[in-house]
């Protein structure tokens, strides 16, 4: 008689391990430091889980020249971004409503630094769906431009901002009003870039409609143009 498969969901409970009450204590503490070397926060984790996710952590904690320290200083990131990386590794749902757009770029940097390919793909997807409002979209677009060295994430986030604005600015006058709002500020260049992207998106939509769809003489049938 064939035995039905037994579900083994041990690893799906990684998130529980972050709770001290679960009974598996963490064995490494990351101290997040600012540029001056001051502590801005601490993040606890389990070396084994980190090593499973990243070959860099695997070498660091279990390689021939392994780091035996239990407290490790971390620079060039924010506590929020480092928290997000740990949450990603432990498969915790990350609430981007509580994080800044700049954390996306720090997370992209850590995905590259620690060779976590899946996290790099995740960052790109989040860049395409990051929460936006008319009050935050301009600042987030400016952040995307500022971190242009992370080309894939920067491009995806800026395009996301432009698409959002396109859905909100539905007339020429509203676009002009938007630009005028920043005309006497150092953010004028960002506003111009956003409006230029809006225009590009509109042209692309027109070209797509023109080349892919053609109306038949009868006026009631739409056919694709090859």
N, C-alpha and C. Protein backbone atom coordinates (compact mmCIF):
# COMPACT_ATOMS: atom_id res chain seq x y z
N UNK A 1 0.83 -1.19 0.00
CA UNK A 1 0.00 0.00 0.00
C UNK A 1 0.88 1.25 0.00
N UNK A 2 0.57 2.19 -0.90
CA UNK A 2 1.34 3.43 -0.96
C UNK A 2 0.97 4.35 0.20
N UNK A 3 1.99 4.85 0.85
CA UNK A 3 1.74 5.77 1.97
C UNK A 3 1.60 7.19 1.43
N UNK A 4 0.58 7.89 1.89
CA UNK A 4 0.40 9.28 1.47
C UNK A 4 1.55 10.11 2.01
N UNK A 5 2.01 11.13 1.24
CA UNK A 5 3.15 11.94 1.68
C UNK A 5 2.88 12.67 3.00
N UNK A 6 3.88 12.69 3.84
CA UNK A 6 3.77 13.38 5.12
C UNK A 6 4.28 14.81 4.96
N UNK A 7 3.47 15.74 5.36
CA UNK A 7 3.87 17.15 5.27
C UNK A 7 4.90 17.47 6.35
N UNK A 8 6.03 18.02 5.92
CA UNK A 8 7.07 18.43 6.87
C UNK A 8 7.31 19.93 6.72
N UNK A 9 6.69 20.68 7.58
CA UNK A 9 6.70 22.13 7.45
C UNK A 9 7.60 22.82 8.47
N UNK A 10 8.68 22.13 8.85
CA UNK A 10 9.55 22.71 9.86
C UNK A 10 10.09 24.07 9.44
N UNK A 11 10.59 24.14 8.19
CA UNK A 11 11.25 25.37 7.75
C UNK A 11 10.27 26.51 7.51
N UNK A 12 9.00 26.18 7.37
CA UNK A 12 8.00 27.24 7.17
C UNK A 12 7.77 28.03 8.46
N UNK A 13 8.37 27.58 9.56
CA UNK A 13 8.18 28.25 10.85
C UNK A 13 9.39 29.11 11.21
N UNK A 14 10.20 29.45 10.22
CA UNK A 14 11.38 30.28 10.50
C UNK A 14 11.00 31.58 11.20
N UNK A 15 9.89 32.18 10.78
CA UNK A 15 9.47 33.46 11.36
C UNK A 15 9.25 33.34 12.86
N UNK A 16 8.77 32.17 13.31
CA UNK A 16 8.53 31.97 14.74
C UNK A 16 9.83 32.05 15.53
N UNK A 17 10.94 31.68 14.90
CA UNK A 17 12.22 31.64 15.60
C UNK A 17 12.70 33.02 16.03
N UNK A 18 12.15 34.09 15.42
CA UNK A 18 12.52 35.45 15.81
C UNK A 18 11.88 35.85 17.14
N UNK A 19 10.88 35.10 17.55
CA UNK A 19 10.21 35.36 18.82
C UNK A 19 10.95 34.62 19.93
N UNK A 20 11.51 35.33 20.93
CA UNK A 20 12.24 34.66 22.01
C UNK A 20 11.44 33.56 22.69
N UNK A 21 10.10 33.72 22.70
CA UNK A 21 9.25 32.73 23.35
C UNK A 21 9.25 31.39 22.62
N UNK A 22 9.72 31.37 21.37
CA UNK A 22 9.76 30.13 20.60
C UNK A 22 10.79 29.16 21.17
N UNK A 23 11.78 29.69 21.84
CA UNK A 23 12.72 28.82 22.53
C UNK A 23 14.03 28.55 21.84
N UNK A 24 14.26 29.14 20.64
CA UNK A 24 15.55 28.98 19.96
C UNK A 24 16.23 30.34 19.96
N UNK A 25 17.16 30.57 20.87
CA UNK A 25 17.77 31.91 20.98
C UNK A 25 18.60 32.26 19.75
N UNK A 26 18.62 33.53 19.42
CA UNK A 26 19.47 34.00 18.33
C UNK A 26 20.93 33.89 18.76
N UNK A 27 21.83 33.82 17.78
CA UNK A 27 23.25 33.66 18.12
C UNK A 27 24.15 34.70 17.45
N UNK A 28 23.54 35.73 16.86
CA UNK A 28 24.34 36.82 16.31
C UNK A 28 23.53 38.12 16.41
N UNK A 29 24.21 39.20 16.74
CA UNK A 29 23.59 40.51 16.83
C UNK A 29 24.32 41.46 15.88
N UNK A 30 23.57 42.10 15.00
CA UNK A 30 24.12 43.09 14.08
C UNK A 30 23.85 44.47 14.66
N UNK A 31 24.90 45.24 14.83
CA UNK A 31 24.79 46.60 15.35
C UNK A 31 24.85 47.56 14.16
N UNK A 32 23.75 48.22 13.87
CA UNK A 32 23.68 49.14 12.74
C UNK A 32 24.27 50.47 13.17
N UNK A 33 25.30 50.93 12.45
CA UNK A 33 25.99 52.16 12.81
C UNK A 33 25.78 53.24 11.77
N UNK A 34 25.78 54.50 12.23
CA UNK A 34 25.71 55.63 11.30
C UNK A 34 27.11 55.97 10.83
N UNK A 35 27.22 57.02 10.03
CA UNK A 35 28.52 57.39 9.45
C UNK A 35 29.57 57.73 10.49
N UNK A 36 29.10 58.19 11.66
CA UNK A 36 30.02 58.58 12.72
C UNK A 36 30.39 57.40 13.63
N UNK A 37 29.82 56.24 13.34
CA UNK A 37 30.12 55.07 14.15
C UNK A 37 29.20 54.88 15.33
N UNK A 38 28.16 55.72 15.43
CA UNK A 38 27.20 55.59 16.52
C UNK A 38 26.18 54.50 16.24
N UNK A 39 25.71 53.86 17.29
CA UNK A 39 24.73 52.79 17.13
C UNK A 39 23.33 53.38 16.92
N UNK A 40 22.66 52.95 15.85
CA UNK A 40 21.29 53.41 15.59
C UNK A 40 20.28 52.29 15.80
N UNK A 41 20.75 51.09 16.14
CA UNK A 41 19.85 50.00 16.39
C UNK A 41 20.54 48.65 16.30
N UNK A 42 19.89 47.63 16.82
CA UNK A 42 20.42 46.28 16.77
C UNK A 42 19.40 45.33 16.16
N UNK A 43 19.91 44.32 15.45
CA UNK A 43 19.06 43.31 14.83
C UNK A 43 19.63 41.93 15.18
N UNK A 44 18.79 41.08 15.74
CA UNK A 44 19.22 39.74 16.14
C UNK A 44 18.79 38.71 15.11
N UNK A 45 19.58 37.66 14.96
CA UNK A 45 19.25 36.61 13.98
C UNK A 45 19.97 35.32 14.35
N UNK A 46 19.72 34.28 13.54
CA UNK A 46 20.36 32.98 13.71
C UNK A 46 21.34 32.78 12.55
N UNK A 47 22.58 32.48 12.87
CA UNK A 47 23.61 32.32 11.85
C UNK A 47 23.22 31.27 10.81
N UNK A 48 22.62 30.18 11.26
CA UNK A 48 22.30 29.10 10.34
C UNK A 48 21.28 29.54 9.29
N UNK A 49 20.24 30.26 9.70
CA UNK A 49 19.23 30.72 8.75
C UNK A 49 19.84 31.68 7.73
N UNK A 50 20.71 32.57 8.21
CA UNK A 50 21.36 33.52 7.31
C UNK A 50 22.27 32.79 6.32
N UNK A 51 22.97 31.78 6.81
CA UNK A 51 23.88 31.01 5.95
C UNK A 51 23.12 30.22 4.90
N UNK A 52 21.91 29.78 5.23
CA UNK A 52 21.08 29.07 4.25
C UNK A 52 20.67 29.99 3.10
N UNK A 53 20.52 31.29 3.40
CA UNK A 53 20.03 32.24 2.40
C UNK A 53 21.14 32.88 1.59
N UNK A 54 22.33 32.99 2.18
CA UNK A 54 23.40 33.76 1.55
C UNK A 54 24.74 33.03 1.62
N UNK A 55 25.40 32.84 0.47
CA UNK A 55 26.73 32.23 0.48
C UNK A 55 27.76 33.11 1.20
N UNK A 56 27.51 34.40 1.24
CA UNK A 56 28.42 35.31 1.94
C UNK A 56 28.34 35.06 3.45
N UNK A 57 27.11 34.98 3.97
CA UNK A 57 26.95 34.67 5.39
C UNK A 57 27.47 33.26 5.69
N UNK A 58 27.27 32.34 4.75
CA UNK A 58 27.73 30.97 4.96
C UNK A 58 29.25 30.93 5.14
N UNK A 59 29.95 31.66 4.30
CA UNK A 59 31.41 31.73 4.41
C UNK A 59 31.82 32.46 5.68
N UNK A 60 31.09 33.54 5.98
CA UNK A 60 31.42 34.35 7.15
C UNK A 60 31.28 33.56 8.46
N UNK A 61 30.23 32.75 8.55
CA UNK A 61 29.95 32.06 9.81
C UNK A 61 30.46 30.62 9.88
N UNK A 62 30.64 29.99 8.69
CA UNK A 62 31.01 28.58 8.70
C UNK A 62 32.21 28.25 7.80
N UNK A 63 32.82 29.25 7.20
CA UNK A 63 33.96 29.02 6.33
C UNK A 63 35.23 28.73 7.11
N UNK A 64 36.30 28.47 6.39
CA UNK A 64 37.58 28.13 7.04
C UNK A 64 38.12 29.29 7.88
N UNK A 65 37.77 30.53 7.49
CA UNK A 65 38.20 31.70 8.27
C UNK A 65 36.98 32.37 8.91
N UNK A 66 36.14 31.56 9.50
CA UNK A 66 34.86 32.05 9.99
C UNK A 66 35.00 33.12 11.08
N UNK A 67 34.00 33.99 11.09
CA UNK A 67 33.93 35.07 12.07
C UNK A 67 33.29 34.48 13.33
N UNK A 68 34.01 34.48 14.43
CA UNK A 68 33.49 33.89 15.66
C UNK A 68 32.80 34.90 16.56
N UNK A 69 32.80 36.16 16.15
CA UNK A 69 32.15 37.19 16.97
C UNK A 69 30.63 37.03 16.94
N UNK A 70 30.00 37.33 18.05
CA UNK A 70 28.55 37.26 18.14
C UNK A 70 27.91 38.63 17.91
N UNK A 71 28.74 39.68 17.93
CA UNK A 71 28.26 41.04 17.69
C UNK A 71 29.02 41.60 16.48
N UNK A 72 28.27 41.98 15.44
CA UNK A 72 28.90 42.40 14.19
C UNK A 72 28.41 43.80 13.80
N UNK A 73 29.33 44.77 13.63
CA UNK A 73 28.92 46.12 13.22
C UNK A 73 28.55 46.15 11.73
N UNK A 74 27.53 46.91 11.40
CA UNK A 74 27.07 47.04 10.02
C UNK A 74 26.96 48.52 9.67
N UNK A 75 27.56 48.91 8.55
CA UNK A 75 27.50 50.31 8.11
C UNK A 75 26.81 50.39 6.74
N UNK A 76 26.55 51.61 6.32
CA UNK A 76 26.01 51.92 4.99
C UNK A 76 24.65 51.28 4.74
N UNK A 77 23.81 51.30 5.76
CA UNK A 77 22.42 50.88 5.59
C UNK A 77 21.62 51.50 6.73
N UNK A 78 20.33 51.27 6.73
CA UNK A 78 19.47 51.72 7.82
C UNK A 78 19.00 50.50 8.61
N UNK A 79 18.59 50.73 9.83
CA UNK A 79 18.05 49.61 10.62
C UNK A 79 16.80 49.04 9.95
N UNK A 80 15.98 49.95 9.38
CA UNK A 80 14.75 49.50 8.73
C UNK A 80 15.05 48.59 7.54
N UNK A 81 16.08 48.93 6.77
CA UNK A 81 16.44 48.12 5.61
C UNK A 81 17.03 46.78 6.06
N UNK A 82 17.86 46.81 7.10
CA UNK A 82 18.45 45.55 7.58
C UNK A 82 17.36 44.67 8.18
N UNK A 83 16.42 45.28 8.89
CA UNK A 83 15.25 44.54 9.39
C UNK A 83 14.53 43.86 8.24
N UNK A 84 14.35 44.61 7.13
CA UNK A 84 13.65 44.07 5.96
C UNK A 84 14.38 42.86 5.39
N UNK A 85 15.72 42.91 5.37
CA UNK A 85 16.47 41.77 4.86
C UNK A 85 16.26 40.54 5.74
N UNK A 86 16.31 40.74 7.04
CA UNK A 86 16.09 39.62 7.97
C UNK A 86 14.67 39.09 7.81
N UNK A 87 13.70 39.98 7.69
CA UNK A 87 12.31 39.56 7.49
C UNK A 87 12.16 38.77 6.20
N UNK A 88 12.87 39.20 5.15
CA UNK A 88 12.81 38.48 3.88
C UNK A 88 13.37 37.07 4.05
N UNK A 89 14.51 36.94 4.71
CA UNK A 89 15.14 35.64 4.90
C UNK A 89 14.27 34.72 5.75
N UNK A 90 13.61 35.29 6.75
CA UNK A 90 12.76 34.51 7.65
C UNK A 90 11.34 34.35 7.12
N UNK A 91 11.10 34.89 5.93
CA UNK A 91 9.79 34.79 5.27
C UNK A 91 8.68 35.46 6.07
N UNK A 92 9.03 36.61 6.63
CA UNK A 92 8.04 37.45 7.31
C UNK A 92 7.48 38.44 6.30
N UNK A 93 6.19 38.69 6.34
CA UNK A 93 5.59 39.67 5.43
C UNK A 93 6.11 41.06 5.78
N UNK A 94 6.70 41.74 4.81
CA UNK A 94 7.29 43.06 5.05
C UNK A 94 6.25 44.14 4.77
N UNK A 95 6.04 45.01 5.74
CA UNK A 95 5.07 46.09 5.61
C UNK A 95 5.78 47.34 5.08
N UNK A 96 5.66 47.59 3.78
CA UNK A 96 6.34 48.73 3.18
C UNK A 96 5.64 50.05 3.47
N UNK A 97 4.44 49.99 4.06
CA UNK A 97 3.77 51.22 4.46
C UNK A 97 4.55 51.91 5.58
N UNK A 98 5.35 51.14 6.31
CA UNK A 98 6.08 51.69 7.46
C UNK A 98 7.54 52.00 7.13
N UNK A 99 7.94 51.83 5.87
CA UNK A 99 9.33 52.03 5.49
C UNK A 99 9.45 53.14 4.44
N UNK A 100 10.64 53.69 4.32
CA UNK A 100 10.91 54.75 3.35
C UNK A 100 11.39 54.14 2.03
N UNK A 101 11.20 54.89 0.95
CA UNK A 101 11.64 54.40 -0.35
C UNK A 101 13.14 54.20 -0.41
N UNK A 102 13.89 54.98 0.37
CA UNK A 102 15.34 54.84 0.37
C UNK A 102 15.75 53.45 0.87
N UNK A 103 14.91 52.85 1.73
CA UNK A 103 15.22 51.51 2.23
C UNK A 103 15.23 50.47 1.11
N UNK A 104 14.48 50.74 0.06
CA UNK A 104 14.49 49.84 -1.11
C UNK A 104 15.90 49.74 -1.69
N UNK A 105 16.58 50.86 -1.77
CA UNK A 105 17.90 50.89 -2.39
C UNK A 105 18.96 50.28 -1.46
N UNK A 106 18.80 50.50 -0.17
CA UNK A 106 19.69 49.82 0.77
C UNK A 106 19.48 48.31 0.71
N UNK A 107 18.23 47.90 0.52
CA UNK A 107 17.93 46.47 0.42
C UNK A 107 18.50 45.90 -0.88
N UNK A 108 18.40 46.67 -1.96
CA UNK A 108 18.99 46.24 -3.24
C UNK A 108 20.50 46.10 -3.10
N UNK A 109 21.12 47.04 -2.37
CA UNK A 109 22.55 46.99 -2.16
C UNK A 109 22.94 45.73 -1.36
N UNK A 110 22.16 45.39 -0.35
CA UNK A 110 22.46 44.21 0.46
C UNK A 110 22.20 42.92 -0.31
N UNK A 111 21.22 42.95 -1.21
CA UNK A 111 20.98 41.76 -2.05
C UNK A 111 22.21 41.47 -2.90
N UNK A 112 22.86 42.53 -3.38
CA UNK A 112 24.08 42.39 -4.16
C UNK A 112 25.27 42.02 -3.26
N UNK A 113 25.38 42.68 -2.12
CA UNK A 113 26.49 42.46 -1.20
C UNK A 113 26.51 41.03 -0.65
N UNK A 114 25.33 40.53 -0.30
CA UNK A 114 25.24 39.20 0.32
C UNK A 114 24.84 38.10 -0.68
N UNK A 115 24.76 38.48 -1.97
CA UNK A 115 24.47 37.51 -3.04
C UNK A 115 23.16 36.76 -2.80
N UNK A 116 22.12 37.53 -2.47
CA UNK A 116 20.79 36.94 -2.29
C UNK A 116 19.96 37.30 -3.52
N UNK A 117 20.05 36.47 -4.54
CA UNK A 117 19.42 36.77 -5.83
C UNK A 117 17.91 36.95 -5.71
N UNK A 118 17.28 36.10 -4.91
CA UNK A 118 15.82 36.19 -4.76
C UNK A 118 15.39 37.53 -4.17
N UNK A 119 16.22 38.08 -3.29
CA UNK A 119 15.88 39.36 -2.68
C UNK A 119 16.01 40.49 -3.69
N UNK A 120 16.98 40.38 -4.61
CA UNK A 120 17.10 41.36 -5.68
C UNK A 120 15.86 41.39 -6.55
N UNK A 121 15.33 40.21 -6.87
CA UNK A 121 14.11 40.11 -7.67
C UNK A 121 12.93 40.67 -6.90
N UNK A 122 12.92 40.41 -5.60
CA UNK A 122 11.84 40.92 -4.74
C UNK A 122 11.84 42.45 -4.72
N UNK A 123 13.02 43.05 -4.61
CA UNK A 123 13.14 44.51 -4.55
C UNK A 123 12.58 45.13 -5.83
N UNK A 124 12.88 44.53 -6.97
CA UNK A 124 12.38 45.06 -8.24
C UNK A 124 10.85 45.02 -8.27
N UNK A 125 10.27 43.93 -7.78
CA UNK A 125 8.81 43.82 -7.78
C UNK A 125 8.18 44.85 -6.84
N UNK A 126 8.81 45.04 -5.68
CA UNK A 126 8.29 46.04 -4.74
C UNK A 126 8.41 47.44 -5.33
N UNK A 127 9.46 47.68 -6.10
CA UNK A 127 9.66 48.99 -6.74
C UNK A 127 8.51 49.32 -7.69
N UNK A 128 7.90 48.29 -8.24
CA UNK A 128 6.81 48.47 -9.20
C UNK A 128 5.46 48.61 -8.52
N UNK A 129 5.41 48.38 -7.19
CA UNK A 129 4.13 48.44 -6.47
C UNK A 129 4.23 49.24 -5.18
N UNK A 130 5.34 49.97 -4.99
CA UNK A 130 5.55 50.70 -3.74
C UNK A 130 4.39 51.65 -3.47
N UNK A 131 3.90 51.72 -2.22
CA UNK A 131 2.76 52.60 -1.90
C UNK A 131 3.04 54.07 -2.25
N UNK A 132 2.12 54.68 -3.01
CA UNK A 132 2.28 56.08 -3.42
C UNK A 132 1.02 56.88 -3.13
N UNK A 133 1.22 58.15 -2.86
CA UNK A 133 0.12 59.11 -2.77
C UNK A 133 0.60 60.38 -3.47
N UNK A 134 -0.30 61.31 -3.71
CA UNK A 134 0.10 62.57 -4.34
C UNK A 134 1.03 63.36 -3.42
N UNK A 135 0.96 63.09 -2.12
CA UNK A 135 1.83 63.78 -1.18
C UNK A 135 3.24 63.19 -1.16
N UNK A 136 3.39 61.91 -1.54
CA UNK A 136 4.70 61.26 -1.43
C UNK A 136 5.36 60.96 -2.77
N UNK A 137 4.61 60.98 -3.85
CA UNK A 137 5.13 60.51 -5.13
C UNK A 137 6.34 61.32 -5.61
N UNK A 138 6.33 62.63 -5.38
CA UNK A 138 7.44 63.45 -5.88
C UNK A 138 8.73 63.13 -5.13
N UNK A 139 8.63 63.04 -3.82
CA UNK A 139 9.82 62.73 -3.01
C UNK A 139 10.38 61.35 -3.37
N UNK A 140 9.49 60.39 -3.62
CA UNK A 140 9.93 59.04 -3.97
C UNK A 140 10.58 59.02 -5.35
N UNK A 141 10.04 59.80 -6.28
CA UNK A 141 10.66 59.91 -7.61
C UNK A 141 12.04 60.52 -7.50
N UNK A 142 12.18 61.53 -6.64
CA UNK A 142 13.49 62.17 -6.43
C UNK A 142 14.49 61.17 -5.84
N UNK A 143 14.00 60.31 -4.95
CA UNK A 143 14.87 59.28 -4.38
C UNK A 143 15.34 58.31 -5.46
N UNK A 144 14.42 57.95 -6.36
CA UNK A 144 14.78 57.04 -7.46
C UNK A 144 15.89 57.63 -8.32
N UNK A 145 15.81 58.94 -8.57
CA UNK A 145 16.85 59.61 -9.37
C UNK A 145 18.17 59.67 -8.59
N UNK A 146 18.08 59.95 -7.30
CA UNK A 146 19.28 60.07 -6.46
C UNK A 146 20.08 58.76 -6.42
N UNK A 147 19.35 57.63 -6.42
CA UNK A 147 20.02 56.33 -6.33
C UNK A 147 20.09 55.64 -7.69
N UNK A 148 20.38 56.41 -8.72
CA UNK A 148 20.40 55.88 -10.08
C UNK A 148 21.49 54.84 -10.30
N UNK A 149 22.46 54.74 -9.38
CA UNK A 149 23.49 53.71 -9.54
C UNK A 149 22.91 52.31 -9.42
N UNK A 150 21.75 52.20 -8.75
CA UNK A 150 21.02 50.94 -8.71
C UNK A 150 20.02 50.97 -9.86
N UNK A 151 20.52 50.81 -11.06
CA UNK A 151 19.77 51.12 -12.27
C UNK A 151 18.42 50.42 -12.36
N UNK A 152 18.39 49.13 -12.12
CA UNK A 152 17.15 48.38 -12.28
C UNK A 152 16.08 48.84 -11.30
N UNK A 153 16.45 48.99 -10.03
CA UNK A 153 15.51 49.43 -9.01
C UNK A 153 15.10 50.88 -9.24
N UNK A 154 16.07 51.74 -9.58
CA UNK A 154 15.80 53.16 -9.82
C UNK A 154 14.83 53.34 -10.98
N UNK A 155 15.09 52.63 -12.08
CA UNK A 155 14.24 52.75 -13.27
C UNK A 155 12.82 52.26 -12.98
N UNK A 156 12.71 51.13 -12.29
CA UNK A 156 11.40 50.56 -11.99
C UNK A 156 10.59 51.48 -11.07
N UNK A 157 11.25 52.06 -10.06
CA UNK A 157 10.55 52.92 -9.12
C UNK A 157 10.14 54.23 -9.77
N UNK A 158 11.02 54.81 -10.58
CA UNK A 158 10.69 56.07 -11.26
C UNK A 158 9.53 55.87 -12.24
N UNK A 159 9.55 54.77 -12.97
CA UNK A 159 8.46 54.46 -13.90
C UNK A 159 7.15 54.28 -13.15
N UNK A 160 7.22 53.61 -11.99
CA UNK A 160 6.03 53.42 -11.15
C UNK A 160 5.45 54.77 -10.72
N UNK A 161 6.34 55.71 -10.34
CA UNK A 161 5.89 57.05 -9.96
C UNK A 161 5.23 57.76 -11.13
N UNK A 162 5.83 57.65 -12.31
CA UNK A 162 5.30 58.31 -13.50
C UNK A 162 3.92 57.75 -13.86
N UNK A 163 3.77 56.44 -13.79
CA UNK A 163 2.48 55.82 -14.09
C UNK A 163 1.41 56.26 -13.10
N UNK A 164 1.81 56.37 -11.83
CA UNK A 164 0.86 56.84 -10.82
C UNK A 164 0.43 58.27 -11.12
N UNK A 165 1.40 59.14 -11.43
CA UNK A 165 1.06 60.53 -11.75
C UNK A 165 0.17 60.62 -12.99
N UNK A 166 0.44 59.77 -13.95
CA UNK A 166 -0.35 59.78 -15.18
C UNK A 166 -1.83 59.49 -14.88
N UNK A 167 -2.05 58.65 -13.88
CA UNK A 167 -3.43 58.33 -13.50
C UNK A 167 -4.09 59.47 -12.73
N UNK A 168 -3.26 60.39 -12.20
CA UNK A 168 -3.78 61.50 -11.40
C UNK A 168 -3.84 62.81 -12.18
N UNK A 169 -2.84 63.05 -13.02
CA UNK A 169 -2.80 64.28 -13.81
C UNK A 169 -3.38 63.99 -15.18
N UNK A 170 -4.64 64.27 -15.34
CA UNK A 170 -5.35 63.84 -16.55
C UNK A 170 -5.52 64.93 -17.60
N UNK A 171 -4.93 66.09 -17.37
CA UNK A 171 -5.04 67.18 -18.35
C UNK A 171 -3.74 67.95 -18.43
N UNK A 172 -3.58 68.72 -19.50
CA UNK A 172 -2.39 69.54 -19.68
C UNK A 172 -2.27 70.55 -18.55
N UNK A 173 -3.38 71.15 -18.17
CA UNK A 173 -3.35 72.17 -17.11
C UNK A 173 -2.90 71.58 -15.78
N UNK A 174 -3.33 70.35 -15.49
CA UNK A 174 -2.93 69.73 -14.22
C UNK A 174 -1.44 69.42 -14.22
N UNK A 175 -0.90 69.06 -15.38
CA UNK A 175 0.55 68.83 -15.50
C UNK A 175 1.32 70.13 -15.28
N UNK A 176 0.83 71.22 -15.90
CA UNK A 176 1.49 72.52 -15.75
C UNK A 176 1.44 73.00 -14.31
N UNK A 177 0.31 72.75 -13.65
CA UNK A 177 0.17 73.13 -12.24
C UNK A 177 1.15 72.35 -11.38
N UNK A 178 1.33 71.09 -11.72
CA UNK A 178 2.26 70.24 -10.98
C UNK A 178 3.69 70.77 -11.11
N UNK A 179 4.09 71.12 -12.33
CA UNK A 179 5.44 71.64 -12.56
C UNK A 179 5.62 72.99 -11.87
N UNK A 180 4.60 73.84 -11.97
CA UNK A 180 4.68 75.18 -11.38
C UNK A 180 4.88 75.12 -9.87
N UNK A 181 4.37 74.07 -9.25
CA UNK A 181 4.49 73.91 -7.80
C UNK A 181 5.95 73.84 -7.37
N UNK A 182 6.80 73.36 -8.28
CA UNK A 182 8.21 73.19 -7.94
C UNK A 182 9.13 74.12 -8.74
N UNK A 183 8.54 75.10 -9.42
CA UNK A 183 9.31 75.94 -10.33
C UNK A 183 10.40 76.76 -9.64
N UNK A 184 10.18 77.16 -8.41
CA UNK A 184 11.16 77.98 -7.71
C UNK A 184 11.93 77.18 -6.66
N UNK A 185 12.02 75.88 -6.86
CA UNK A 185 12.74 75.03 -5.90
C UNK A 185 13.85 74.27 -6.62
N UNK A 186 14.69 73.62 -5.82
CA UNK A 186 15.77 72.83 -6.41
C UNK A 186 15.27 71.48 -6.92
N UNK A 187 13.95 71.28 -6.82
CA UNK A 187 13.34 70.03 -7.29
C UNK A 187 12.75 70.16 -8.69
N UNK A 188 12.98 71.32 -9.31
CA UNK A 188 12.40 71.58 -10.63
C UNK A 188 12.83 70.52 -11.64
N UNK A 189 14.09 70.11 -11.60
CA UNK A 189 14.59 69.13 -12.56
C UNK A 189 13.84 67.81 -12.45
N UNK A 190 13.54 67.40 -11.22
CA UNK A 190 12.78 66.16 -11.00
C UNK A 190 11.39 66.28 -11.58
N UNK A 191 10.73 67.43 -11.36
CA UNK A 191 9.39 67.65 -11.87
C UNK A 191 9.38 67.58 -13.40
N UNK A 192 10.37 68.18 -14.02
CA UNK A 192 10.46 68.17 -15.49
C UNK A 192 10.66 66.75 -16.00
N UNK A 193 11.51 65.99 -15.33
CA UNK A 193 11.75 64.60 -15.73
C UNK A 193 10.48 63.76 -15.61
N UNK A 194 9.72 64.01 -14.57
CA UNK A 194 8.48 63.25 -14.39
C UNK A 194 7.47 63.57 -15.50
N UNK A 195 7.31 64.85 -15.79
CA UNK A 195 6.37 65.25 -16.85
C UNK A 195 6.83 64.72 -18.20
N UNK A 196 8.13 64.73 -18.45
CA UNK A 196 8.67 64.18 -19.69
C UNK A 196 8.36 62.69 -19.79
N UNK A 197 8.43 61.99 -18.66
CA UNK A 197 8.12 60.56 -18.64
C UNK A 197 6.64 60.34 -18.89
N UNK A 198 5.81 61.22 -18.36
CA UNK A 198 4.36 61.14 -18.62
C UNK A 198 4.08 61.25 -20.10
N UNK A 199 4.75 62.22 -20.73
CA UNK A 199 4.57 62.42 -22.17
C UNK A 199 5.03 61.19 -22.94
N UNK A 200 6.15 60.61 -22.52
CA UNK A 200 6.66 59.40 -23.18
C UNK A 200 5.68 58.25 -23.04
N UNK A 201 5.10 58.10 -21.87
CA UNK A 201 4.12 57.02 -21.65
C UNK A 201 2.89 57.21 -22.52
N UNK A 202 2.44 58.46 -22.64
CA UNK A 202 1.27 58.75 -23.47
C UNK A 202 1.56 58.43 -24.94
N UNK A 203 2.74 58.81 -25.41
CA UNK A 203 3.12 58.52 -26.80
C UNK A 203 3.20 57.01 -27.04
N UNK A 204 3.75 56.29 -26.07
CA UNK A 204 3.85 54.83 -26.21
C UNK A 204 2.47 54.19 -26.29
N UNK A 205 1.54 54.71 -25.49
CA UNK A 205 0.16 54.18 -25.53
C UNK A 205 -0.47 54.43 -26.89
N UNK A 206 -0.26 55.63 -27.43
CA UNK A 206 -0.82 55.97 -28.74
C UNK A 206 -0.23 55.09 -29.83
N UNK A 207 1.09 54.88 -29.77
CA UNK A 207 1.75 54.04 -30.78
C UNK A 207 1.29 52.59 -30.69
N UNK A 208 1.10 52.12 -29.46
CA UNK A 208 0.64 50.74 -29.26
C UNK A 208 -0.76 50.56 -29.85
N UNK A 209 -1.61 51.52 -29.58
CA UNK A 209 -2.98 51.45 -30.11
C UNK A 209 -2.98 51.53 -31.63
N UNK A 210 -2.15 52.41 -32.16
CA UNK A 210 -2.10 52.62 -33.61
C UNK A 210 -1.56 51.41 -34.36
N UNK A 211 -0.56 50.73 -33.79
CA UNK A 211 0.09 49.64 -34.49
C UNK A 211 -0.55 48.28 -34.25
N UNK A 212 -1.22 48.12 -33.12
CA UNK A 212 -1.76 46.81 -32.80
C UNK A 212 -3.22 46.63 -33.15
N UNK A 213 -3.93 47.73 -33.27
CA UNK A 213 -5.36 47.62 -33.50
C UNK A 213 -5.78 48.48 -34.69
N UNK A 214 -6.57 47.94 -35.53
CA UNK A 214 -7.05 48.66 -36.70
C UNK A 214 -8.55 48.43 -36.84
N UNK A 215 -9.27 49.48 -37.14
CA UNK A 215 -10.72 49.35 -37.28
C UNK A 215 -11.08 48.95 -38.70
N UNK A 216 -11.92 47.95 -38.83
CA UNK A 216 -12.37 47.49 -40.15
C UNK A 216 -13.32 48.50 -40.78
N UNK A 217 -13.45 48.50 -42.10
CA UNK A 217 -14.36 49.42 -42.78
C UNK A 217 -15.78 49.33 -42.26
N UNK A 218 -16.16 48.14 -41.86
CA UNK A 218 -17.53 47.97 -41.38
C UNK A 218 -17.74 48.72 -40.07
N UNK A 219 -16.64 49.01 -39.38
CA UNK A 219 -16.73 49.83 -38.18
C UNK A 219 -17.10 49.08 -36.92
N UNK A 220 -17.20 47.74 -37.00
CA UNK A 220 -17.64 47.03 -35.80
C UNK A 220 -16.68 45.90 -35.40
N UNK A 221 -15.59 45.69 -36.17
CA UNK A 221 -14.69 44.58 -35.87
C UNK A 221 -13.27 45.12 -35.70
N UNK A 222 -12.61 44.74 -34.62
CA UNK A 222 -11.24 45.15 -34.37
C UNK A 222 -10.31 43.98 -34.67
N UNK A 223 -9.27 44.23 -35.47
CA UNK A 223 -8.34 43.17 -35.80
C UNK A 223 -6.93 43.63 -35.47
N UNK A 224 -6.05 42.69 -35.15
CA UNK A 224 -4.66 43.00 -34.86
C UNK A 224 -3.88 43.18 -36.15
N UNK A 225 -3.00 44.17 -36.14
CA UNK A 225 -2.14 44.40 -37.28
C UNK A 225 -0.82 43.70 -37.01
N UNK A 226 -0.39 42.80 -37.87
CA UNK A 226 0.86 42.07 -37.69
C UNK A 226 2.01 42.93 -38.21
